[in-house]
Amino acid sequence: MKIAILPGDGIGTEIVEQAVRVLGVLDLKFETETALVGGAAYEAHGHPLPDSTLQLAKDADAILFGAVGDWKYDQLERALRPEQAILGLRKHLGLFANLRPALCYEQLTQASSLKPELVAGLDILIIRELTGDIYFGQPRGRRIATDGHFPGAEEAFDTMRYSRPEIERIAHVAFQAARRRSKKVTSVDKANVLETFQFWKDVVTEVHASYPDVELQHMYVDNAAMQLVKAPKAFDVVVTGNMFGDILSDEAAMLTGSIGMLPSASLDAAGKGLYEPATAARPTSPARVWPTRWLQSCPQP
């Protein structure tokens, strides 16, 4: 077994160093190989995801990823910014299922900004579709508007899109995970406004027919954001698209008191994963810690 170690930037290098120490204590037979990624890779190779790093990630059995990003790279063209490394890894490795639990241990309930009775014993699993949606949809770019309220003005545009297979496979991951937990899935959408998410809702409902032992609830994303603060323990498994999942998983992580405490796993169709022991990213003042996720109640996609 081979693990690719990609520390990245900032405190990502510190976190991964400690994670590797933990791996060293375990009585497991594996080899590791370390490579640059993100801003560190840009400084050395002129690109945040060099071909050599990508090939290592493809050849490895698992990937341990730290963090990427720094404000000093914000003036680079978007394709060369450190954040493109993690997006590229997700795309090229087919890491479509992001599993991110939000757990609140009894000893840490006082760290939450919510009342202890709301978060004590919290155990939520957010499952985020990771390779579709507006993050990767084409076309995208900038142009001069030919219609709308301000024809002739400069505008920017992105495309939100999902295909049936993309929705089906993430729905299966969610329902299989729920079978190992409390057998309840909340599918989060914006079907009342977006055609993309009416389609999402329809397909998830169809997949649910294969899991009669699991309860399915549909919820609009704005209501889900509110309910996560109002009654977070009412959720078990939450499945949603790329953009909504990005936002809601950060909100859920903060219910535990620290966004940097929670790990994650991003899996491909064969179960190969990229694991983040505590996703950290670009510093603000002095450092902004992005959450990471861990493999919790992991099904085989």
Foldseek 3Di string as FASTA:
>chain_A
DEEEEEQEDDCSVVVSVVVVVVVVVDPDDYYYDYDYAAPVCCVVPVARQDPVNLVVCVPGLAYEYGEHAAPVCVVPPPRRHRVVRVLVSCAVVVLFKKKFWAAADPVQLVLAPADSVQHHGFIAIEIEGANAFQVDADDWDKDQACDDPDGRHIDTDTDTADDLVSLLVSLVFQQLLLVVPVQEEEEEFQLVPDPRRVVSVVSSVVSCVVVPSHHYHYYYLVVVLVCCRVHVNVHYYYYYYNPSSQVVSQSSNSRNNDQQCAAMWGAHQAGHTYIYRGYFYYADVHGGTHGHHDQDSGDRD
